[in-house]
Amino acid sequence: MWNTIALTPAEGFVLKALQFLDYKIERIAPQVSSVPHYFGGTRGGFIVKREGTEQPVPIGSMGDGMWRMLAMAIAITQCRGGVLLVDEIDTGLHYSVMSQMWDLMYKAAQDLDVQIFATTHSYDCVYSLAQFCEPKRSVTVQRIEAGKKRAVPYDEEEITAAASRDIEVR
């Protein structure tokens, strides 16, 4: 998927997505193995150039959240006019950056006309969504309950109220 966004404005979006996790990231590049994966070589990966360092840093050394953000940012660029399904959207992300993650994903969804469906079991993730919510943003939480034929919907106002009162909506 990287090849379809390399040297396009979408590459800038991916960089921005990584920068809210580490503001010192200046550039990102794929690092391709010279040996095909099926012959036992490495799959390659990505490296980043950080401000103040000469050597590129393998993105894999920067934690699961960085990998997760990279994957989501690249994936949403591929979904123009469609749908992005994200299981456990908060995986690997510290609660302190989740509001920024929601803002980034929302803006990308608006720019690219993408509808995002995300799951979570994290109260912190829902709480961060509530901090991000504003009227008319078309954000909902759909709580799925065993034995019910339909999900229980919560709009922006209800998400915000539930978070401020510690009401369970997950």
N, C-alpha and C. Protein backbone atom coordinates (compact mmCIF):
# COMPACT_ATOMS: atom_id res chain seq x y z
N MET A 1 0.82 -1.20 0.00
CA MET A 1 0.00 0.00 0.00
C MET A 1 0.86 1.26 0.00
N TRP A 2 2.05 1.17 0.56
CA TRP A 2 2.91 2.35 0.61
C TRP A 2 3.20 2.88 -0.78
N ASN A 3 3.39 1.99 -1.74
CA ASN A 3 3.73 2.43 -3.10
C ASN A 3 2.66 3.33 -3.70
N THR A 4 1.40 3.19 -3.29
CA THR A 4 0.34 4.02 -3.86
C THR A 4 0.30 5.41 -3.25
N ILE A 5 0.97 5.61 -2.10
CA ILE A 5 0.95 6.93 -1.48
C ILE A 5 2.32 7.63 -1.47
N ALA A 6 3.36 6.88 -1.79
CA ALA A 6 4.71 7.47 -1.80
C ALA A 6 4.75 8.69 -2.73
N LEU A 7 5.34 9.76 -2.23
CA LEU A 7 5.52 11.00 -2.98
C LEU A 7 4.20 11.68 -3.35
N THR A 8 3.15 11.42 -2.59
CA THR A 8 1.85 12.07 -2.78
C THR A 8 1.51 12.81 -1.49
N PRO A 9 0.47 13.63 -1.49
CA PRO A 9 0.05 14.29 -0.25
C PRO A 9 -0.31 13.29 0.86
N ALA A 10 -0.73 12.10 0.50
CA ALA A 10 -1.06 11.09 1.50
C ALA A 10 0.16 10.71 2.34
N GLU A 11 1.33 10.79 1.75
CA GLU A 11 2.55 10.51 2.50
C GLU A 11 2.71 11.52 3.64
N GLY A 12 2.34 12.76 3.39
CA GLY A 12 2.39 13.78 4.42
C GLY A 12 1.41 13.49 5.55
N PHE A 13 0.26 12.95 5.21
CA PHE A 13 -0.72 12.57 6.23
C PHE A 13 -0.16 11.48 7.13
N VAL A 14 0.49 10.48 6.54
CA VAL A 14 1.09 9.39 7.32
C VAL A 14 2.16 9.95 8.25
N LEU A 15 2.98 10.85 7.75
CA LEU A 15 4.01 11.46 8.58
C LEU A 15 3.38 12.21 9.76
N LYS A 16 2.32 12.96 9.49
CA LYS A 16 1.62 13.70 10.54
C LYS A 16 1.06 12.75 11.59
N ALA A 17 0.54 11.61 11.15
CA ALA A 17 0.00 10.62 12.08
C ALA A 17 1.07 10.11 13.02
N LEU A 18 2.27 9.93 12.52
CA LEU A 18 3.37 9.46 13.37
C LEU A 18 3.89 10.58 14.26
N GLN A 19 3.83 11.80 13.79
CA GLN A 19 4.38 12.92 14.54
C GLN A 19 3.59 13.23 15.81
N PHE A 20 2.32 12.89 15.87
CA PHE A 20 1.63 13.16 17.13
C PHE A 20 2.05 12.16 18.20
N LEU A 21 2.67 11.07 17.79
CA LEU A 21 3.24 10.13 18.76
C LEU A 21 4.68 10.51 19.11
N ASP A 22 5.41 11.04 18.13
CA ASP A 22 6.79 11.48 18.34
C ASP A 22 7.04 12.69 17.45
N TYR A 23 6.97 13.88 18.04
CA TYR A 23 7.06 15.11 17.26
C TYR A 23 8.42 15.29 16.60
N LYS A 24 9.42 14.51 16.98
CA LYS A 24 10.75 14.66 16.39
C LYS A 24 10.91 13.90 15.07
N ILE A 25 9.91 13.14 14.66
CA ILE A 25 10.00 12.42 13.39
C ILE A 25 9.92 13.44 12.25
N GLU A 26 10.92 13.41 11.39
CA GLU A 26 10.98 14.34 10.26
C GLU A 26 10.62 13.68 8.94
N ARG A 27 10.98 12.41 8.78
CA ARG A 27 10.76 11.70 7.52
C ARG A 27 10.48 10.24 7.81
N ILE A 28 9.88 9.57 6.84
CA ILE A 28 9.62 8.14 6.93
C ILE A 28 9.96 7.52 5.59
N ALA A 29 10.48 6.30 5.63
CA ALA A 29 10.82 5.60 4.38
C ALA A 29 10.67 4.10 4.57
N PRO A 30 10.28 3.41 3.51
CA PRO A 30 10.24 1.95 3.59
C PRO A 30 11.65 1.39 3.54
N GLN A 31 11.86 0.28 4.17
CA GLN A 31 13.14 -0.39 4.12
C GLN A 31 12.85 -1.81 3.64
N VAL A 32 13.19 -2.08 2.42
CA VAL A 32 12.84 -3.34 1.79
C VAL A 32 14.01 -4.31 1.87
N SER A 33 13.69 -5.54 2.22
CA SER A 33 14.71 -6.58 2.29
C SER A 33 15.11 -7.00 0.88
N SER A 34 16.36 -7.34 0.72
CA SER A 34 16.80 -7.81 -0.59
C SER A 34 16.50 -9.29 -0.78
N VAL A 35 16.15 -9.98 0.30
CA VAL A 35 15.82 -11.41 0.22
C VAL A 35 14.32 -11.56 0.38
N PRO A 36 13.65 -12.26 -0.54
CA PRO A 36 12.20 -12.44 -0.40
C PRO A 36 11.86 -13.13 0.92
N HIS A 37 10.73 -12.72 1.50
CA HIS A 37 10.28 -13.25 2.79
C HIS A 37 10.13 -14.77 2.77
N TYR A 38 9.65 -15.32 1.67
CA TYR A 38 9.41 -16.76 1.62
C TYR A 38 10.70 -17.57 1.59
N PHE A 39 11.85 -16.94 1.48
CA PHE A 39 13.12 -17.65 1.55
C PHE A 39 13.78 -17.48 2.92
N GLY A 40 13.02 -17.00 3.88
CA GLY A 40 13.54 -16.89 5.23
C GLY A 40 14.16 -15.56 5.56
N GLY A 41 14.11 -14.61 4.63
CA GLY A 41 14.65 -13.28 4.92
C GLY A 41 13.66 -12.45 5.73
N THR A 42 14.04 -11.25 6.06
CA THR A 42 13.13 -10.38 6.79
C THR A 42 12.13 -9.76 5.83
N ARG A 43 11.04 -9.28 6.38
CA ARG A 43 10.01 -8.66 5.56
C ARG A 43 10.33 -7.21 5.26
N GLY A 44 11.34 -6.69 5.85
CA GLY A 44 11.61 -5.27 5.69
C GLY A 44 10.77 -4.50 6.69
N GLY A 45 10.57 -3.26 6.45
CA GLY A 45 9.80 -2.43 7.37
C GLY A 45 9.95 -0.99 7.01
N PHE A 46 9.84 -0.14 8.02
CA PHE A 46 9.96 1.29 7.82
C PHE A 46 11.01 1.83 8.76
N ILE A 47 11.64 2.89 8.32
CA ILE A 47 12.59 3.61 9.17
C ILE A 47 12.13 5.06 9.22
N VAL A 48 12.50 5.73 10.29
CA VAL A 48 12.17 7.15 10.41
C VAL A 48 13.43 7.93 10.71
N LYS A 49 13.45 9.15 10.26
CA LYS A 49 14.52 10.08 10.56
C LYS A 49 13.98 11.00 11.64
N ARG A 50 14.68 11.04 12.79
CA ARG A 50 14.28 11.88 13.91
C ARG A 50 15.19 13.10 14.01
N GLU A 51 14.62 14.21 14.37
CA GLU A 51 15.37 15.45 14.58
C GLU A 51 16.48 15.20 15.61
N GLY A 52 17.67 15.65 15.28
CA GLY A 52 18.78 15.54 16.21
C GLY A 52 19.53 14.22 16.18
N THR A 53 19.14 13.32 15.29
CA THR A 53 19.86 12.05 15.17
C THR A 53 20.29 11.84 13.72
N GLU A 54 21.47 11.30 13.55
CA GLU A 54 21.99 11.04 12.21
C GLU A 54 21.44 9.74 11.63
N GLN A 55 21.40 8.71 12.45
CA GLN A 55 21.00 7.38 11.99
C GLN A 55 19.48 7.24 11.95
N PRO A 56 18.95 6.64 10.89
CA PRO A 56 17.52 6.34 10.87
C PRO A 56 17.20 5.31 11.95
N VAL A 57 15.97 5.37 12.44
CA VAL A 57 15.52 4.47 13.49
C VAL A 57 14.47 3.53 12.90
N PRO A 58 14.62 2.21 13.10
CA PRO A 58 13.58 1.28 12.64
C PRO A 58 12.29 1.55 13.40
N ILE A 59 11.20 1.65 12.69
CA ILE A 59 9.93 1.97 13.35
C ILE A 59 9.53 0.87 14.34
N GLY A 60 9.98 -0.35 14.09
CA GLY A 60 9.68 -1.45 14.99
C GLY A 60 10.27 -1.27 16.37
N SER A 61 11.29 -0.44 16.49
CA SER A 61 11.90 -0.20 17.80
C SER A 61 11.18 0.89 18.58
N MET A 62 10.14 1.45 17.99
CA MET A 62 9.46 2.58 18.62
C MET A 62 8.15 2.18 19.30
N GLY A 63 7.85 0.90 19.36
CA GLY A 63 6.67 0.44 20.08
C GLY A 63 5.50 0.08 19.18
N ASP A 64 4.57 -0.67 19.76
CA ASP A 64 3.40 -1.13 19.02
C ASP A 64 2.49 0.01 18.58
N GLY A 65 2.40 1.06 19.38
CA GLY A 65 1.55 2.19 19.02
C GLY A 65 1.98 2.85 17.72
N MET A 66 3.28 2.94 17.52
CA MET A 66 3.80 3.55 16.29
C MET A 66 3.44 2.68 15.08
N TRP A 67 3.60 1.36 15.22
CA TRP A 67 3.20 0.45 14.14
C TRP A 67 1.71 0.58 13.86
N ARG A 68 0.92 0.64 14.94
CA ARG A 68 -0.53 0.72 14.80
C ARG A 68 -0.93 2.00 14.07
N MET A 69 -0.34 3.12 14.47
CA MET A 69 -0.67 4.40 13.84
C MET A 69 -0.26 4.39 12.37
N LEU A 70 0.92 3.84 12.08
CA LEU A 70 1.37 3.73 10.69
C LEU A 70 0.37 2.93 9.87
N ALA A 71 -0.03 1.79 10.39
CA ALA A 71 -0.97 0.92 9.66
C ALA A 71 -2.32 1.62 9.44
N MET A 72 -2.85 2.28 10.47
CA MET A 72 -4.14 2.95 10.32
C MET A 72 -4.05 4.11 9.34
N ALA A 73 -2.97 4.88 9.43
CA ALA A 73 -2.81 6.03 8.53
C ALA A 73 -2.70 5.58 7.07
N ILE A 74 -1.92 4.55 6.84
CA ILE A 74 -1.80 4.04 5.46
C ILE A 74 -3.13 3.45 5.00
N ALA A 75 -3.79 2.70 5.88
CA ALA A 75 -5.05 2.04 5.51
C ALA A 75 -6.13 3.06 5.14
N ILE A 76 -6.27 4.13 5.90
CA ILE A 76 -7.34 5.08 5.60
C ILE A 76 -7.10 5.78 4.27
N THR A 77 -5.86 5.95 3.88
CA THR A 77 -5.59 6.57 2.58
C THR A 77 -6.03 5.67 1.43
N GLN A 78 -6.19 4.38 1.69
CA GLN A 78 -6.58 3.43 0.66
C GLN A 78 -8.10 3.26 0.56
N CYS A 79 -8.85 3.93 1.44
CA CYS A 79 -10.29 3.70 1.55
C CYS A 79 -11.14 4.85 1.01
N ARG A 80 -10.56 5.71 0.22
CA ARG A 80 -11.30 6.87 -0.29
C ARG A 80 -12.68 6.45 -0.80
N GLY A 81 -13.71 7.15 -0.28
CA GLY A 81 -15.08 6.88 -0.71
C GLY A 81 -15.64 5.57 -0.18
N GLY A 82 -14.99 4.98 0.81
CA GLY A 82 -15.44 3.68 1.29
C GLY A 82 -15.49 3.59 2.80
N VAL A 83 -15.10 2.43 3.29
CA VAL A 83 -15.22 2.10 4.70
C VAL A 83 -13.89 1.58 5.22
N LEU A 84 -13.55 1.95 6.45
CA LEU A 84 -12.38 1.41 7.13
C LEU A 84 -12.86 0.71 8.39
N LEU A 85 -12.51 -0.56 8.53
CA LEU A 85 -12.84 -1.33 9.72
C LEU A 85 -11.59 -1.48 10.55
N VAL A 86 -11.65 -1.06 11.82
CA VAL A 86 -10.48 -1.13 12.71
C VAL A 86 -10.88 -1.87 13.98
N ASP A 87 -10.29 -3.01 14.19
CA ASP A 87 -10.54 -3.78 15.41
C ASP A 87 -9.60 -3.28 16.50
N GLU A 88 -10.17 -2.98 17.66
CA GLU A 88 -9.39 -2.49 18.80
C GLU A 88 -8.52 -1.30 18.40
N ILE A 89 -9.15 -0.22 18.03
CA ILE A 89 -8.48 0.97 17.49
C ILE A 89 -7.41 1.52 18.43
N ASP A 90 -7.53 1.27 19.70
CA ASP A 90 -6.61 1.83 20.69
C ASP A 90 -5.39 0.96 20.98
N THR A 91 -5.28 -0.20 20.35
CA THR A 91 -4.18 -1.12 20.64
C THR A 91 -2.82 -0.44 20.49
N GLY A 92 -2.03 -0.51 21.55
CA GLY A 92 -0.68 0.03 21.53
C GLY A 92 -0.58 1.52 21.77
N LEU A 93 -1.70 2.20 21.86
CA LEU A 93 -1.68 3.65 22.04
C LEU A 93 -1.88 4.02 23.51
N HIS A 94 -1.09 4.94 24.00
CA HIS A 94 -1.23 5.43 25.36
C HIS A 94 -2.48 6.29 25.44
N TYR A 95 -3.17 6.24 26.56
CA TYR A 95 -4.42 6.99 26.69
C TYR A 95 -4.23 8.49 26.43
N SER A 96 -3.04 9.01 26.69
CA SER A 96 -2.80 10.44 26.55
C SER A 96 -2.80 10.92 25.09
N VAL A 97 -2.71 10.02 24.12
CA VAL A 97 -2.71 10.43 22.71
C VAL A 97 -3.99 10.03 21.97
N MET A 98 -4.93 9.41 22.67
CA MET A 98 -6.13 8.92 21.99
C MET A 98 -7.01 10.02 21.43
N SER A 99 -7.12 11.16 22.13
CA SER A 99 -7.93 12.26 21.59
C SER A 99 -7.33 12.77 20.28
N GLN A 100 -6.01 12.84 20.23
CA GLN A 100 -5.34 13.26 18.99
C GLN A 100 -5.58 12.22 17.89
N MET A 101 -5.57 10.94 18.26
CA MET A 101 -5.82 9.88 17.28
C MET A 101 -7.23 10.04 16.71
N TRP A 102 -8.22 10.28 17.57
CA TRP A 102 -9.59 10.45 17.09
C TRP A 102 -9.69 11.67 16.16
N ASP A 103 -9.04 12.76 16.54
CA ASP A 103 -9.08 13.97 15.72
C ASP A 103 -8.46 13.71 14.35
N LEU A 104 -7.32 13.06 14.34
CA LEU A 104 -6.63 12.75 13.09
C LEU A 104 -7.49 11.85 12.19
N MET A 105 -8.06 10.80 12.78
CA MET A 105 -8.88 9.87 12.00
C MET A 105 -10.15 10.55 11.49
N TYR A 106 -10.74 11.39 12.33
CA TYR A 106 -11.95 12.10 11.91
C TYR A 106 -11.66 13.02 10.72
N LYS A 107 -10.60 13.80 10.82
CA LYS A 107 -10.26 14.72 9.73
C LYS A 107 -9.93 13.97 8.45
N ALA A 108 -9.21 12.86 8.56
CA ALA A 108 -8.90 12.04 7.38
C ALA A 108 -10.17 11.46 6.79
N ALA A 109 -11.08 11.00 7.65
CA ALA A 109 -12.35 10.44 7.17
C ALA A 109 -13.14 11.50 6.41
N GLN A 110 -13.14 12.74 6.91
CA GLN A 110 -13.84 13.82 6.23
C GLN A 110 -13.18 14.13 4.88
N ASP A 111 -11.87 14.26 4.88
CA ASP A 111 -11.13 14.60 3.66
C ASP A 111 -11.25 13.53 2.58
N LEU A 112 -11.28 12.27 3.02
CA LEU A 112 -11.27 11.16 2.07
C LEU A 112 -12.64 10.52 1.86
N ASP A 113 -13.66 11.05 2.52
CA ASP A 113 -15.01 10.49 2.45
C ASP A 113 -15.00 9.01 2.86
N VAL A 114 -14.48 8.75 4.05
CA VAL A 114 -14.37 7.39 4.58
C VAL A 114 -15.22 7.28 5.84
N GLN A 115 -15.98 6.21 5.93
CA GLN A 115 -16.71 5.92 7.15
C GLN A 115 -15.88 4.93 7.95
N ILE A 116 -15.60 5.26 9.21
CA ILE A 116 -14.77 4.41 10.06
C ILE A 116 -15.64 3.68 11.07
N PHE A 117 -15.47 2.36 11.11
CA PHE A 117 -16.08 1.54 12.14
C PHE A 117 -14.94 0.99 12.98
N ALA A 118 -14.96 1.29 14.27
CA ALA A 118 -13.88 0.87 15.15
C ALA A 118 -14.44 0.18 16.38
N THR A 119 -13.74 -0.84 16.85
CA THR A 119 -14.13 -1.50 18.09
C THR A 119 -13.14 -1.14 19.18
N THR A 120 -13.59 -1.25 20.41
CA THR A 120 -12.70 -1.06 21.57
C THR A 120 -13.33 -1.72 22.79
N HIS A 121 -12.49 -2.10 23.71
CA HIS A 121 -12.92 -2.54 25.04
C HIS A 121 -12.37 -1.58 26.08
N SER A 122 -11.78 -0.48 25.64
CA SER A 122 -11.08 0.44 26.51
C SER A 122 -11.96 1.62 26.91
N TYR A 123 -12.13 1.79 28.20
CA TYR A 123 -12.85 2.96 28.69
C TYR A 123 -12.09 4.23 28.31
N ASP A 124 -10.75 4.19 28.41
CA ASP A 124 -9.94 5.35 28.05
C ASP A 124 -10.19 5.78 26.62
N CYS A 125 -10.38 4.82 25.74
CA CYS A 125 -10.62 5.13 24.33
C CYS A 125 -11.97 5.83 24.16
N VAL A 126 -12.99 5.33 24.84
CA VAL A 126 -14.31 5.96 24.77
C VAL A 126 -14.28 7.33 25.42
N TYR A 127 -13.60 7.45 26.55
CA TYR A 127 -13.47 8.74 27.24
C TYR A 127 -12.77 9.76 26.32
N SER A 128 -11.73 9.33 25.63
CA SER A 128 -11.03 10.22 24.70
C SER A 128 -11.93 10.62 23.54
N LEU A 129 -12.75 9.70 23.10
CA LEU A 129 -13.72 10.03 22.04
C LEU A 129 -14.68 11.11 22.54
N ALA A 130 -15.10 11.00 23.79
CA ALA A 130 -16.01 12.00 24.37
C ALA A 130 -15.35 13.37 24.42
N GLN A 131 -14.06 13.43 24.72
CA GLN A 131 -13.35 14.71 24.76
C GLN A 131 -13.27 15.33 23.36
N PHE A 132 -13.27 14.49 22.36
CA PHE A 132 -13.16 14.92 20.97
C PHE A 132 -14.52 15.35 20.41
N CYS A 133 -15.60 14.77 20.93
CA CYS A 133 -16.94 14.98 20.37
C CYS A 133 -17.40 16.42 20.42
N GLU A 134 -18.03 16.82 19.34
CA GLU A 134 -18.70 18.12 19.24
C GLU A 134 -19.99 17.87 18.49
N PRO A 135 -21.01 18.69 18.72
CA PRO A 135 -22.25 18.51 17.97
C PRO A 135 -22.00 18.57 16.46
N LYS A 136 -22.73 17.79 15.74
CA LYS A 136 -22.71 17.75 14.27
C LYS A 136 -21.47 17.08 13.68
N ARG A 137 -20.76 16.32 14.45
CA ARG A 137 -19.59 15.62 13.91
C ARG A 137 -19.95 14.23 13.38
N SER A 138 -21.16 13.81 13.57
CA SER A 138 -21.62 12.50 13.10
C SER A 138 -20.81 11.36 13.71
N VAL A 139 -20.59 11.45 15.01
CA VAL A 139 -19.88 10.40 15.74
C VAL A 139 -20.91 9.67 16.59
N THR A 140 -20.88 8.35 16.53
CA THR A 140 -21.76 7.56 17.39
C THR A 140 -20.98 6.39 17.98
N VAL A 141 -21.48 5.93 19.11
CA VAL A 141 -21.01 4.68 19.69
C VAL A 141 -22.19 3.73 19.59
N GLN A 142 -21.93 2.55 19.12
CA GLN A 142 -22.97 1.53 19.01
C GLN A 142 -22.62 0.39 19.97
N ARG A 143 -23.35 0.30 21.06
CA ARG A 143 -23.09 -0.74 22.05
C ARG A 143 -23.85 -2.00 21.64
N ILE A 144 -23.13 -3.08 21.50
CA ILE A 144 -23.72 -4.35 21.12
C ILE A 144 -23.92 -5.17 22.39
N GLU A 145 -25.17 -5.58 22.61
CA GLU A 145 -25.49 -6.36 23.81
C GLU A 145 -26.04 -7.72 23.41
N ALA A 146 -25.60 -8.73 24.13
CA ALA A 146 -26.06 -10.11 23.86
C ALA A 146 -27.57 -10.18 24.00
N GLY A 147 -28.19 -10.88 23.07
CA GLY A 147 -29.63 -11.10 23.13
C GLY A 147 -30.47 -10.00 22.50
N LYS A 148 -29.86 -8.89 22.16
CA LYS A 148 -30.60 -7.80 21.52
C LYS A 148 -30.40 -7.86 20.02
N LYS A 149 -31.46 -7.54 19.29
CA LYS A 149 -31.41 -7.60 17.84
C LYS A 149 -30.74 -6.37 17.22
N ARG A 150 -30.67 -5.28 17.99
CA ARG A 150 -30.08 -4.05 17.48
C ARG A 150 -29.09 -3.49 18.48
N ALA A 151 -28.12 -2.78 17.95
CA ALA A 151 -27.15 -2.10 18.81
C ALA A 151 -27.84 -0.92 19.50
N VAL A 152 -27.30 -0.54 20.65
CA VAL A 152 -27.80 0.63 21.37
C VAL A 152 -26.93 1.82 20.96
N PRO A 153 -27.53 2.81 20.26
CA PRO A 153 -26.72 3.94 19.78
C PRO A 153 -26.58 5.05 20.81
N TYR A 154 -25.43 5.71 20.79
CA TYR A 154 -25.16 6.90 21.61
C TYR A 154 -24.62 7.97 20.67
N ASP A 155 -25.22 9.17 20.71
CA ASP A 155 -24.73 10.26 19.88
C ASP A 155 -23.67 11.05 20.64
N GLU A 156 -23.17 12.14 20.02
CA GLU A 156 -22.09 12.92 20.62
C GLU A 156 -22.43 13.41 22.02
N GLU A 157 -23.64 13.94 22.19
CA GLU A 157 -24.07 14.47 23.48
C GLU A 157 -24.13 13.35 24.53
N GLU A 158 -24.65 12.20 24.15
CA GLU A 158 -24.75 11.08 25.09
C GLU A 158 -23.38 10.48 25.42
N ILE A 159 -22.49 10.46 24.45
CA ILE A 159 -21.13 9.97 24.69
C ILE A 159 -20.44 10.87 25.71
N THR A 160 -20.56 12.17 25.51
CA THR A 160 -19.94 13.14 26.41
C THR A 160 -20.54 13.04 27.81
N ALA A 161 -21.85 12.95 27.90
CA ALA A 161 -22.51 12.83 29.21
C ALA A 161 -22.10 11.54 29.91
N ALA A 162 -22.07 10.45 29.17
CA ALA A 162 -21.69 9.16 29.76
C ALA A 162 -20.27 9.19 30.29
N ALA A 163 -19.36 9.80 29.55
CA ALA A 163 -17.97 9.87 29.98
C ALA A 163 -17.82 10.73 31.24
N SER A 164 -18.54 11.83 31.28
CA SER A 164 -18.42 12.73 32.44
C SER A 164 -19.04 12.13 33.70
N ARG A 165 -19.92 11.15 33.52
CA ARG A 165 -20.59 10.52 34.67
C ARG A 165 -20.15 9.07 34.89
N ASP A 166 -19.11 8.65 34.17
CA ASP A 166 -18.59 7.28 34.27
C ASP A 166 -19.67 6.22 34.00
N ILE A 167 -20.49 6.49 33.00
CA ILE A 167 -21.53 5.53 32.58
C ILE A 167 -20.95 4.65 31.50
N GLU A 168 -21.13 3.37 31.61
CA GLU A 168 -20.57 2.39 30.68
C GLU A 168 -21.32 2.43 29.34
N VAL A 169 -20.60 2.64 28.24
CA VAL A 169 -21.19 2.59 26.90
C VAL A 169 -20.48 1.61 25.98
N ARG A 170 -19.42 0.99 26.46
CA ARG A 170 -18.66 0.06 25.61
C ARG A 170 -19.44 -1.21 25.38
